[in-house]
Amino acid sequence: MAVSACAHCQNESFELQEASIGGANHRVVFVQCASCGAPVGIVESHALRRQQEREARLRNLERQVASIGSAVHHIGRIVGSIANQHTI
């Protein structure tokens, strides 16, 4: 698979950078080279916002699953302890 590279410096790392553009009534998000800052594209702000909201929901679900896993582990320890008391 081909690897994307900056046309200006050949760096292969990119980042998002929010910026104002003269005459525009909203800010835009550029995809730019992480090394030299050359812009390589623009991300629509509402698409970026939706992606951030999806990531936040995913992090929340991960926390909930971890909490459930911890509770199940705790319940298992209690059940094991009770089972050991009855076998004595």
N, C-alpha and C. Protein backbone atom coordinates (compact mmCIF):
# COMPACT_ATOMS: atom_id res chain seq x y z
N MET A 1 0.85 -1.17 0.00
CA MET A 1 0.00 0.00 0.00
C MET A 1 0.90 1.24 0.00
N ALA A 2 0.51 2.23 -0.76
CA ALA A 2 1.25 3.48 -0.84
C ALA A 2 1.12 4.27 0.46
N VAL A 3 2.16 5.01 0.79
CA VAL A 3 2.15 5.85 1.98
C VAL A 3 2.06 7.31 1.52
N SER A 4 1.14 8.07 2.12
CA SER A 4 1.00 9.49 1.78
C SER A 4 2.21 10.26 2.27
N ALA A 5 2.65 11.19 1.44
CA ALA A 5 3.80 12.02 1.81
C ALA A 5 3.52 13.46 1.40
N CYS A 6 4.08 14.37 2.16
CA CYS A 6 3.95 15.80 1.86
C CYS A 6 4.64 16.09 0.53
N ALA A 7 3.97 16.82 -0.35
CA ALA A 7 4.55 17.17 -1.65
C ALA A 7 5.70 18.15 -1.51
N HIS A 8 5.74 18.86 -0.38
CA HIS A 8 6.76 19.89 -0.18
C HIS A 8 8.04 19.31 0.43
N CYS A 9 7.91 18.48 1.49
CA CYS A 9 9.11 18.00 2.21
C CYS A 9 9.22 16.48 2.30
N GLN A 10 8.24 15.76 1.78
CA GLN A 10 8.21 14.29 1.77
C GLN A 10 7.97 13.66 3.15
N ASN A 11 7.63 14.47 4.16
CA ASN A 11 7.29 13.94 5.48
C ASN A 11 6.02 13.10 5.36
N GLU A 12 5.89 12.07 6.19
CA GLU A 12 4.74 11.18 6.12
C GLU A 12 3.77 11.33 7.29
N SER A 13 3.92 12.39 8.09
CA SER A 13 3.03 12.64 9.23
C SER A 13 2.21 13.90 8.97
N PHE A 14 0.92 13.81 9.32
CA PHE A 14 0.02 14.93 9.10
C PHE A 14 -0.73 15.25 10.37
N GLU A 15 -1.31 16.45 10.46
CA GLU A 15 -2.07 16.87 11.63
C GLU A 15 -3.20 17.78 11.20
N LEU A 16 -4.13 18.00 12.12
CA LEU A 16 -5.23 18.93 11.87
C LEU A 16 -4.90 20.27 12.48
N GLN A 17 -5.24 21.35 11.79
CA GLN A 17 -4.99 22.69 12.29
C GLN A 17 -6.19 23.57 11.96
N GLU A 18 -6.83 24.11 12.99
CA GLU A 18 -7.97 25.00 12.78
C GLU A 18 -7.44 26.40 12.46
N ALA A 19 -8.08 27.07 11.51
CA ALA A 19 -7.60 28.40 11.11
C ALA A 19 -8.76 29.25 10.62
N SER A 20 -8.54 30.56 10.63
CA SER A 20 -9.50 31.51 10.06
C SER A 20 -9.02 31.87 8.66
N ILE A 21 -9.97 32.07 7.78
CA ILE A 21 -9.65 32.50 6.42
C ILE A 21 -10.33 33.84 6.21
N GLY A 22 -9.58 34.82 5.73
CA GLY A 22 -10.14 36.14 5.48
C GLY A 22 -11.37 36.08 4.59
N GLY A 23 -12.43 36.76 4.98
CA GLY A 23 -13.65 36.79 4.21
C GLY A 23 -14.62 35.65 4.52
N ALA A 24 -14.16 34.63 5.24
CA ALA A 24 -15.04 33.52 5.61
C ALA A 24 -15.67 33.82 6.96
N ASN A 25 -16.91 33.39 7.15
CA ASN A 25 -17.58 33.66 8.42
C ASN A 25 -17.45 32.50 9.40
N HIS A 26 -16.62 31.53 9.10
CA HIS A 26 -16.40 30.39 10.00
C HIS A 26 -14.94 29.94 9.88
N ARG A 27 -14.50 29.22 10.88
CA ARG A 27 -13.14 28.69 10.86
C ARG A 27 -13.13 27.38 10.07
N VAL A 28 -11.99 27.06 9.51
CA VAL A 28 -11.85 25.80 8.78
C VAL A 28 -10.76 24.96 9.43
N VAL A 29 -10.78 23.67 9.14
CA VAL A 29 -9.77 22.77 9.67
C VAL A 29 -8.94 22.26 8.50
N PHE A 30 -7.65 22.57 8.51
CA PHE A 30 -6.73 22.11 7.49
C PHE A 30 -6.11 20.79 7.91
N VAL A 31 -5.85 19.93 6.94
CA VAL A 31 -4.93 18.81 7.13
C VAL A 31 -3.61 19.35 6.63
N GLN A 32 -2.60 19.31 7.50
CA GLN A 32 -1.32 19.88 7.11
C GLN A 32 -0.18 18.95 7.48
N CYS A 33 0.94 19.14 6.82
CA CYS A 33 2.15 18.37 7.12
C CYS A 33 2.58 18.69 8.54
N ALA A 34 2.86 17.67 9.33
CA ALA A 34 3.27 17.88 10.71
C ALA A 34 4.68 18.44 10.80
N SER A 35 5.44 18.36 9.73
CA SER A 35 6.81 18.85 9.74
C SER A 35 6.92 20.29 9.26
N CYS A 36 6.44 20.56 8.04
CA CYS A 36 6.61 21.90 7.47
C CYS A 36 5.35 22.75 7.50
N GLY A 37 4.19 22.16 7.81
CA GLY A 37 2.94 22.90 7.91
C GLY A 37 2.25 23.16 6.58
N ALA A 38 2.76 22.58 5.50
CA ALA A 38 2.12 22.78 4.20
C ALA A 38 0.72 22.18 4.21
N PRO A 39 -0.30 22.94 3.81
CA PRO A 39 -1.66 22.39 3.80
C PRO A 39 -1.81 21.38 2.66
N VAL A 40 -2.51 20.29 2.97
CA VAL A 40 -2.74 19.27 1.94
C VAL A 40 -4.23 19.01 1.74
N GLY A 41 -5.08 19.58 2.59
CA GLY A 41 -6.51 19.38 2.44
C GLY A 41 -7.28 20.14 3.49
N ILE A 42 -8.60 20.11 3.36
CA ILE A 42 -9.49 20.76 4.32
C ILE A 42 -10.53 19.74 4.77
N VAL A 43 -10.82 19.73 6.06
CA VAL A 43 -11.85 18.87 6.63
C VAL A 43 -13.04 19.76 6.96
N GLU A 44 -14.22 19.37 6.51
CA GLU A 44 -15.40 20.14 6.84
C GLU A 44 -15.61 20.11 8.35
N SER A 45 -15.85 21.26 8.95
CA SER A 45 -15.94 21.34 10.41
C SER A 45 -17.07 20.49 10.96
N HIS A 46 -18.22 20.40 10.26
CA HIS A 46 -19.31 19.59 10.78
C HIS A 46 -18.96 18.10 10.71
N ALA A 47 -18.18 17.68 9.71
CA ALA A 47 -17.74 16.28 9.63
C ALA A 47 -16.77 15.98 10.77
N LEU A 48 -15.88 16.92 11.06
CA LEU A 48 -14.94 16.74 12.16
C LEU A 48 -15.68 16.69 13.49
N ARG A 49 -16.67 17.55 13.65
CA ARG A 49 -17.45 17.57 14.89
C ARG A 49 -18.18 16.24 15.09
N ARG A 50 -18.76 15.70 14.01
CA ARG A 50 -19.44 14.39 14.11
C ARG A 50 -18.44 13.30 14.49
N GLN A 51 -17.25 13.34 13.91
CA GLN A 51 -16.22 12.36 14.24
C GLN A 51 -15.83 12.48 15.72
N GLN A 52 -15.66 13.68 16.21
CA GLN A 52 -15.31 13.88 17.62
C GLN A 52 -16.43 13.39 18.53
N GLU A 53 -17.68 13.61 18.14
CA GLU A 53 -18.82 13.12 18.93
C GLU A 53 -18.84 11.59 18.95
N ARG A 54 -18.58 10.96 17.80
CA ARG A 54 -18.52 9.48 17.75
C ARG A 54 -17.40 8.96 18.64
N GLU A 55 -16.24 9.61 18.60
CA GLU A 55 -15.11 9.19 19.44
C GLU A 55 -15.44 9.34 20.92
N ALA A 56 -16.14 10.42 21.28
CA ALA A 56 -16.53 10.62 22.68
C ALA A 56 -17.51 9.54 23.13
N ARG A 57 -18.48 9.20 22.26
CA ARG A 57 -19.42 8.12 22.60
C ARG A 57 -18.70 6.79 22.74
N LEU A 58 -17.71 6.54 21.87
CA LEU A 58 -16.95 5.30 21.94
C LEU A 58 -16.15 5.23 23.25
N ARG A 59 -15.52 6.33 23.63
CA ARG A 59 -14.78 6.36 24.92
C ARG A 59 -15.72 6.11 26.08
N ASN A 60 -16.93 6.69 26.03
CA ASN A 60 -17.91 6.47 27.09
C ASN A 60 -18.32 5.00 27.15
N LEU A 61 -18.55 4.38 26.00
CA LEU A 61 -18.90 2.95 25.98
C LEU A 61 -17.75 2.09 26.51
N GLU A 62 -16.52 2.46 26.16
CA GLU A 62 -15.36 1.71 26.67
C GLU A 62 -15.30 1.79 28.19
N ARG A 63 -15.56 2.97 28.74
CA ARG A 63 -15.56 3.12 30.21
C ARG A 63 -16.67 2.27 30.83
N GLN A 64 -17.85 2.27 30.21
CA GLN A 64 -18.96 1.47 30.73
C GLN A 64 -18.64 -0.01 30.68
N VAL A 65 -18.05 -0.48 29.59
CA VAL A 65 -17.68 -1.90 29.48
C VAL A 65 -16.63 -2.25 30.52
N ALA A 66 -15.67 -1.38 30.74
CA ALA A 66 -14.64 -1.64 31.76
C ALA A 66 -15.28 -1.71 33.14
N SER A 67 -16.24 -0.83 33.42
CA SER A 67 -16.93 -0.83 34.70
C SER A 67 -17.72 -2.13 34.89
N ILE A 68 -18.40 -2.57 33.83
CA ILE A 68 -19.15 -3.83 33.90
C ILE A 68 -18.20 -4.99 34.12
N GLY A 69 -17.07 -4.99 33.42
CA GLY A 69 -16.07 -6.04 33.59
C GLY A 69 -15.56 -6.09 35.02
N SER A 70 -15.31 -4.94 35.60
CA SER A 70 -14.84 -4.87 36.98
C SER A 70 -15.90 -5.42 37.94
N ALA A 71 -17.17 -5.05 37.71
CA ALA A 71 -18.25 -5.54 38.57
C ALA A 71 -18.41 -7.05 38.45
N VAL A 72 -18.30 -7.59 37.23
CA VAL A 72 -18.41 -9.04 37.03
C VAL A 72 -17.26 -9.74 37.74
N HIS A 73 -16.07 -9.19 37.65
CA HIS A 73 -14.92 -9.78 38.34
C HIS A 73 -15.15 -9.79 39.85
N HIS A 74 -15.66 -8.69 40.38
CA HIS A 74 -15.93 -8.59 41.82
C HIS A 74 -17.00 -9.61 42.24
N ILE A 75 -18.06 -9.71 41.45
CA ILE A 75 -19.11 -10.69 41.75
C ILE A 75 -18.54 -12.10 41.72
N GLY A 76 -17.68 -12.39 40.75
CA GLY A 76 -17.05 -13.70 40.67
C GLY A 76 -16.24 -14.02 41.90
N ARG A 77 -15.51 -13.04 42.41
CA ARG A 77 -14.73 -13.25 43.64
C ARG A 77 -15.65 -13.54 44.82
N ILE A 78 -16.76 -12.82 44.92
CA ILE A 78 -17.71 -13.04 46.02
C ILE A 78 -18.32 -14.43 45.92
N VAL A 79 -18.74 -14.81 44.72
CA VAL A 79 -19.33 -16.14 44.52
C VAL A 79 -18.30 -17.22 44.86
N GLY A 80 -17.06 -17.03 44.44
CA GLY A 80 -16.00 -17.99 44.76
C GLY A 80 -15.78 -18.10 46.26
N SER A 81 -15.82 -16.97 46.93
CA SER A 81 -15.65 -16.97 48.39
C SER A 81 -16.79 -17.71 49.07
N ILE A 82 -18.01 -17.46 48.61
CA ILE A 82 -19.17 -18.16 49.19
C ILE A 82 -19.08 -19.66 48.92
N ALA A 83 -18.68 -20.04 47.72
CA ALA A 83 -18.56 -21.46 47.36
C ALA A 83 -17.50 -22.12 48.23
N ASN A 84 -16.42 -21.43 48.51
CA ASN A 84 -15.37 -22.00 49.37
C ASN A 84 -15.83 -22.15 50.80
N GLN A 85 -16.67 -21.26 51.28
CA GLN A 85 -17.20 -21.38 52.65
C GLN A 85 -18.11 -22.58 52.78
N HIS A 86 -18.85 -22.91 51.75
CA HIS A 86 -19.80 -24.04 51.81
C HIS A 86 -19.10 -25.39 51.64
N THR A 87 -17.90 -25.40 51.10
CA THR A 87 -17.19 -26.67 50.92
C THR A 87 -16.39 -27.04 52.15
N ILE A 88 -16.28 -26.16 53.10
CA ILE A 88 -15.50 -26.45 54.32
C ILE A 88 -16.33 -27.22 55.31
